Amino acid sequence: MQVSIKYTTLFILLLTCYSSFSSAKGRDANDELIFAPKKFYFSNDFDGALLSTALQTQSPAGPGNVGTPRFSYFWNGGFNVNYDFSKVIGLFSGLSVKNIGFIEKSAVKADSTIKRRVYTIGVPLGIKIGNLKKKQYIFIGGGVDFPFNYKEKGYIVRNNKEKFNEWFSDRTPRTMPYGFVGFSVKGFYVKAQYYPSNFMNPDYIATTNSVTLPVVKPYAAYDVQLLVFSIGFDIRYGQKMKITPKSKEDPVM
């Protein structure tokens, strides 16, 4: 039995070596192996770090109040479908998930901070211009995000935190349109996104158990637009492998 296994293993090794030798024999010494991108392909993008801040904000603290920068590392990414019309121009769209929001320092209570964020799923649509094969290009476009989870967390320094989250909350708009612009260098990119609509829903009415209390709209005084910066990387799928002859240089006379 052991002898049979040894002979079988030896036969497989010899067959593998023969296949490799035959493949190499069919190629010229000057041939090179390259990866040729397809016109239609898929890719993943991952935002390693995402910084968001409130821009042109009006809140109970007063107009012109700019929110404290907020960093988020999880989860920000997406799946894209790409089509390159040529070596220098292409389109992309897909689905993306983001964690965006802003931080507010309360003017009513000293040392009080409120953090508000949403998880969204969105559909981007953009155009790429540059050297697409080497992933060196600029891109610009827009999209729409759909919030599906809202979280609000407030705390005072040296005191307990108060927080809650809601699925498909009415505290924010149902849709969040945005525009974006950025550039990519060898798959690593820097991107800026701007959300022109109000992050909060000023018409939201807080529910209470009492019928005698007046109607409360906690976000009526808010007008928050977000500016988001991100750094990430792009992983491309669907490349095909082919063998081409190396270009021969003319001899120097």
Protein backbone atom coordinates (compact mmCIF):
# COMPACT_ATOMS: atom_id res chain seq x y z
CA MET A 1 0.00 0.00 0.00
CA GLN A 2 2.79 2.43 0.91
CA VAL A 3 4.64 1.57 -2.34
CA SER A 4 1.49 2.37 -4.33
CA ILE A 5 1.17 5.78 -2.66
CA LYS A 6 4.82 6.57 -3.38
CA TYR A 7 4.43 5.71 -7.08
CA THR A 8 1.24 7.76 -7.33
CA THR A 9 2.92 10.78 -5.76
CA LEU A 10 5.93 10.42 -8.07
CA PHE A 11 3.64 10.23 -11.11
CA ILE A 12 1.80 13.44 -10.11
CA LEU A 13 5.10 15.30 -9.62
CA LEU A 14 6.41 14.18 -13.01
CA LEU A 15 3.15 15.21 -14.70
CA THR A 16 3.29 18.66 -13.08
CA CYS A 17 6.90 19.18 -14.16
CA TYR A 18 6.08 18.10 -17.71
CA SER A 19 3.14 20.53 -17.92
CA SER A 20 5.29 23.41 -16.68
CA PHE A 21 8.07 22.50 -19.13
CA SER A 22 5.64 22.31 -22.05
CA SER A 23 4.14 25.68 -21.17
CA ALA A 24 7.56 27.31 -20.93
CA LYS A 25 8.72 25.64 -24.14
CA GLY A 26 5.81 27.17 -26.04
CA ARG A 27 6.87 30.66 -25.03
CA ASP A 28 9.65 32.73 -26.47
CA ALA A 29 12.39 33.87 -24.13
CA ASN A 30 11.42 37.46 -24.81
CA ASP A 31 7.76 36.95 -23.89
CA GLU A 32 6.40 38.54 -20.74
CA LEU A 33 3.39 37.78 -18.57
CA ILE A 34 1.08 40.76 -18.00
CA PHE A 35 -2.37 41.37 -16.55
CA ALA A 36 -4.71 43.06 -19.02
CA PRO A 37 -7.68 44.88 -17.48
CA LYS A 38 -11.13 44.27 -18.91
CA LYS A 39 -13.52 47.02 -19.93
CA PHE A 40 -16.19 45.67 -17.57
CA TYR A 41 -15.07 44.55 -14.10
CA PHE A 42 -15.87 44.62 -10.39
CA SER A 43 -14.03 46.23 -7.48
CA ASN A 44 -14.21 46.84 -3.74
CA ASP A 45 -13.34 50.10 -2.02
CA PHE A 46 -12.56 50.45 1.67
CA ASP A 47 -12.34 53.75 3.52
CA GLY A 48 -9.66 53.14 6.14
CA ALA A 49 -10.41 56.40 7.97
CA LEU A 50 -13.35 58.74 7.56
CA LEU A 51 -13.47 62.26 9.02
CA SER A 52 -16.79 64.11 9.07
CA THR A 53 -17.66 67.54 10.39
CA ALA A 54 -20.65 69.87 10.33
CA LEU A 55 -20.49 72.69 7.80
CA GLN A 56 -22.56 75.91 7.85
CA THR A 57 -24.39 74.71 10.89
CA GLN A 58 -27.29 76.33 12.68
CA SER A 59 -28.16 74.81 16.02
CA PRO A 60 -29.45 75.84 19.44
CA ALA A 61 -25.91 77.07 20.11
CA GLY A 62 -26.36 79.70 17.38
CA PRO A 63 -25.72 80.14 13.63
CA GLY A 64 -22.29 79.48 12.18
CA ASN A 65 -21.40 76.85 14.77
CA VAL A 66 -19.01 74.31 13.21
CA GLY A 67 -19.08 70.82 14.68
CA THR A 68 -16.11 69.08 16.21
CA PRO A 69 -14.39 66.71 13.70
CA ARG A 70 -15.52 63.11 14.05
CA PHE A 71 -13.44 60.05 13.03
CA SER A 72 -14.90 56.67 12.15
CA TYR A 73 -12.96 53.54 11.18
CA PHE A 74 -15.80 51.00 10.92
CA TRP A 75 -17.65 50.22 8.72
CA ASN A 76 -17.03 52.19 5.52
CA GLY A 77 -16.76 50.37 2.21
CA GLY A 78 -18.53 49.30 -0.93
CA PHE A 79 -18.83 47.11 -4.00
CA ASN A 80 -18.56 48.74 -7.43
CA VAL A 81 -19.31 47.86 -11.03
CA ASN A 82 -16.90 49.54 -13.48
CA TYR A 83 -16.90 50.13 -17.21
CA ASP A 84 -13.91 51.70 -18.95
CA PHE A 85 -14.70 53.31 -22.31
CA SER A 86 -10.98 53.68 -23.02
CA LYS A 87 -7.64 53.71 -21.23
CA VAL A 88 -8.34 57.19 -19.83
CA ILE A 89 -12.07 57.42 -19.06
CA GLY A 90 -14.58 55.17 -17.32
CA LEU A 91 -17.76 55.01 -15.23
CA PHE A 92 -18.50 53.29 -11.93
CA SER A 93 -21.51 52.65 -9.70
CA GLY A 94 -22.46 50.20 -6.98
CA LEU A 95 -23.44 49.95 -3.31
CA SER A 96 -21.67 51.45 -0.30
CA VAL A 97 -22.06 51.43 3.49
CA LYS A 98 -20.98 54.43 5.58
CA ASN A 99 -20.80 55.57 9.18
CA ILE A 100 -21.27 59.37 9.13
CA GLY A 101 -22.30 62.00 11.66
CA PHE A 102 -21.20 65.01 13.69
CA ILE A 103 -20.27 66.07 17.21
CA GLU A 104 -21.83 69.04 18.97
CA LYS A 105 -20.53 70.83 22.03
CA SER A 106 -23.62 72.00 23.91
CA ALA A 107 -23.88 75.71 24.71
CA VAL A 108 -26.61 75.05 27.28
CA LYS A 109 -24.67 72.73 29.58
CA ALA A 110 -20.98 73.20 30.25
CA ASP A 111 -18.73 70.25 29.34
CA SER A 112 -21.67 68.57 27.59
CA THR A 113 -21.15 66.73 24.28
CA ILE A 114 -23.66 65.16 21.92
CA LYS A 115 -22.66 62.72 19.17
CA ARG A 116 -25.05 61.83 16.38
CA ARG A 117 -24.39 59.33 13.60
CA VAL A 118 -26.16 57.18 11.04
CA TYR A 119 -25.29 54.02 9.17
CA THR A 120 -26.29 54.37 5.54
CA ILE A 121 -26.42 52.25 2.43
CA GLY A 122 -25.99 54.23 -0.76
CA VAL A 123 -25.68 54.20 -4.53
CA PRO A 124 -22.81 56.26 -6.04
CA LEU A 125 -22.35 57.16 -9.70
CA GLY A 126 -19.05 58.61 -10.85
CA ILE A 127 -16.63 59.15 -13.71
CA LYS A 128 -12.88 58.41 -13.73
CA ILE A 129 -10.36 60.28 -15.86
CA GLY A 130 -6.66 59.41 -16.06
CA ASN A 131 -4.44 56.35 -16.39
CA LEU A 132 -6.99 53.68 -15.46
CA LYS A 133 -4.60 50.75 -15.98
CA LYS A 134 -2.17 52.08 -13.36
CA LYS A 135 -5.01 53.33 -11.10
CA GLN A 136 -3.80 56.91 -11.36
CA TYR A 137 -6.81 59.10 -12.03
CA ILE A 138 -9.21 61.70 -10.68
CA PHE A 139 -12.87 60.94 -10.09
CA ILE A 140 -16.02 62.99 -9.57
CA GLY A 141 -19.69 62.19 -9.15
CA GLY A 142 -22.64 62.01 -6.80
CA GLY A 143 -24.99 59.62 -5.10
CA VAL A 144 -27.78 59.04 -2.62
CA ASP A 145 -27.47 57.50 0.85
CA PHE A 146 -30.35 55.85 2.72
CA PRO A 147 -29.98 55.89 6.54
CA PHE A 148 -31.00 52.65 8.26
CA ASN A 149 -29.68 53.09 11.81
CA TYR A 150 -29.49 56.27 13.91
CA LYS A 151 -27.52 56.61 17.14
CA GLU A 152 -27.38 59.52 19.55
CA LYS A 153 -25.02 59.65 22.51
CA GLY A 154 -24.74 62.45 25.05
CA TYR A 155 -22.57 62.83 28.09
CA ILE A 156 -21.18 65.35 30.53
CA VAL A 157 -17.53 65.11 31.60
CA ARG A 158 -17.11 62.82 34.62
CA ASN A 159 -20.74 61.68 34.39
CA ASN A 160 -22.59 58.72 32.92
CA LYS A 161 -23.33 58.57 29.21
CA GLU A 162 -26.84 58.46 27.81
CA LYS A 163 -27.32 56.82 24.44
CA PHE A 164 -29.89 55.17 22.22
CA ASN A 165 -30.20 53.97 18.64
CA GLU A 166 -33.17 53.49 16.33
CA TRP A 167 -33.65 51.49 13.16
CA PHE A 168 -35.06 53.46 10.21
CA SER A 169 -35.48 56.51 12.41
CA ASP A 170 -37.48 59.61 11.47
CA ARG A 171 -34.94 61.81 13.26
CA THR A 172 -33.02 62.11 9.99
CA PRO A 173 -34.24 62.42 6.38
CA ARG A 174 -35.05 59.23 4.51
CA THR A 175 -32.56 60.15 1.75
CA MET A 176 -29.22 61.99 1.86
CA PRO A 177 -27.93 63.12 -1.56
CA TYR A 178 -24.25 64.02 -1.87
CA GLY A 179 -21.48 64.92 -4.28
CA PHE A 180 -17.88 63.71 -4.21
CA VAL A 181 -14.48 64.35 -5.78
CA GLY A 182 -11.09 62.71 -5.29
CA PHE A 183 -7.98 61.19 -6.80
CA SER A 184 -6.37 57.75 -6.86
CA VAL A 185 -2.68 56.81 -6.94
CA LYS A 186 -1.95 53.10 -7.50
CA GLY A 187 -5.18 52.07 -5.83
CA PHE A 188 -4.95 54.37 -2.81
CA TYR A 189 -7.35 57.30 -2.89
CA VAL A 190 -8.32 60.50 -1.10
CA LYS A 191 -11.95 61.58 -1.36
CA ALA A 192 -14.13 64.51 -0.23
CA GLN A 193 -17.92 64.24 0.03
CA TYR A 194 -20.44 67.01 0.65
CA TYR A 195 -24.01 66.53 1.87
CA PRO A 196 -25.96 69.73 1.07
CA SER A 197 -29.23 68.70 2.75
CA ASN A 198 -29.96 68.93 6.47
CA PHE A 199 -28.60 65.95 8.42
CA MET A 200 -31.41 66.25 10.99
CA ASN A 201 -35.17 66.21 10.37
CA PRO A 202 -36.48 69.54 11.74
CA ASP A 203 -40.08 68.29 11.52
CA TYR A 204 -39.48 65.29 13.76
CA ILE A 205 -41.88 65.24 16.74
CA ALA A 206 -40.73 63.61 19.97
CA THR A 207 -43.22 61.12 21.35
CA THR A 208 -44.35 61.41 24.98
CA ASN A 209 -46.70 59.46 27.22
CA SER A 210 -48.56 62.60 28.26
CA VAL A 211 -51.27 64.25 26.17
CA THR A 212 -50.99 67.52 28.10
CA LEU A 213 -47.42 68.33 27.03
CA PRO A 214 -46.97 70.61 24.00
CA VAL A 215 -45.57 69.29 20.72
CA VAL A 216 -41.78 69.04 20.94
CA LYS A 217 -39.57 69.24 17.85
CA PRO A 218 -36.06 68.68 19.25
CA TYR A 219 -34.30 69.31 15.92
CA ALA A 220 -36.35 72.29 14.69
CA ALA A 221 -33.41 74.68 15.16
CA TYR A 222 -30.87 72.46 13.39
CA ASP A 223 -29.56 72.96 9.87
CA VAL A 224 -26.54 70.70 9.50
CA GLN A 225 -24.62 69.95 6.31
CA LEU A 226 -21.81 67.40 6.41
CA LEU A 227 -18.37 67.57 4.84
CA VAL A 228 -16.64 64.19 4.83
CA PHE A 229 -13.01 63.34 4.01
CA SER A 230 -11.74 59.79 3.59
CA ILE A 231 -8.57 57.86 2.80
CA GLY A 232 -8.86 54.35 1.46
CA PHE A 233 -7.86 51.76 -1.13
CA ASP A 234 -9.45 50.05 -4.10
CA ILE A 235 -9.26 46.33 -4.95
CA ARG A 236 -9.97 45.46 -8.59
CA TYR A 237 -11.28 42.08 -9.81
CA GLY A 238 -11.71 40.58 -13.25
CA GLN A 239 -8.25 41.10 -14.73
CA LYS A 240 -7.21 38.56 -17.34
CA MET A 241 -3.71 37.18 -17.83
CA LYS A 242 -2.05 37.10 -21.23
CA ILE A 243 1.40 36.58 -22.73
CA THR A 244 2.81 39.23 -25.05
CA PRO A 245 6.22 39.64 -26.71
CA LYS A 246 8.47 42.21 -25.12
CA SER A 247 9.03 45.32 -27.18
CA LYS A 248 12.42 45.24 -28.85
CA GLU A 249 14.52 48.38 -28.77
CA ASP A 250 16.36 49.44 -31.90
CA PRO A 251 20.10 48.86 -31.65
CA VAL A 252 22.22 51.93 -31.11
CA MET A 253 24.25 52.73 -34.23
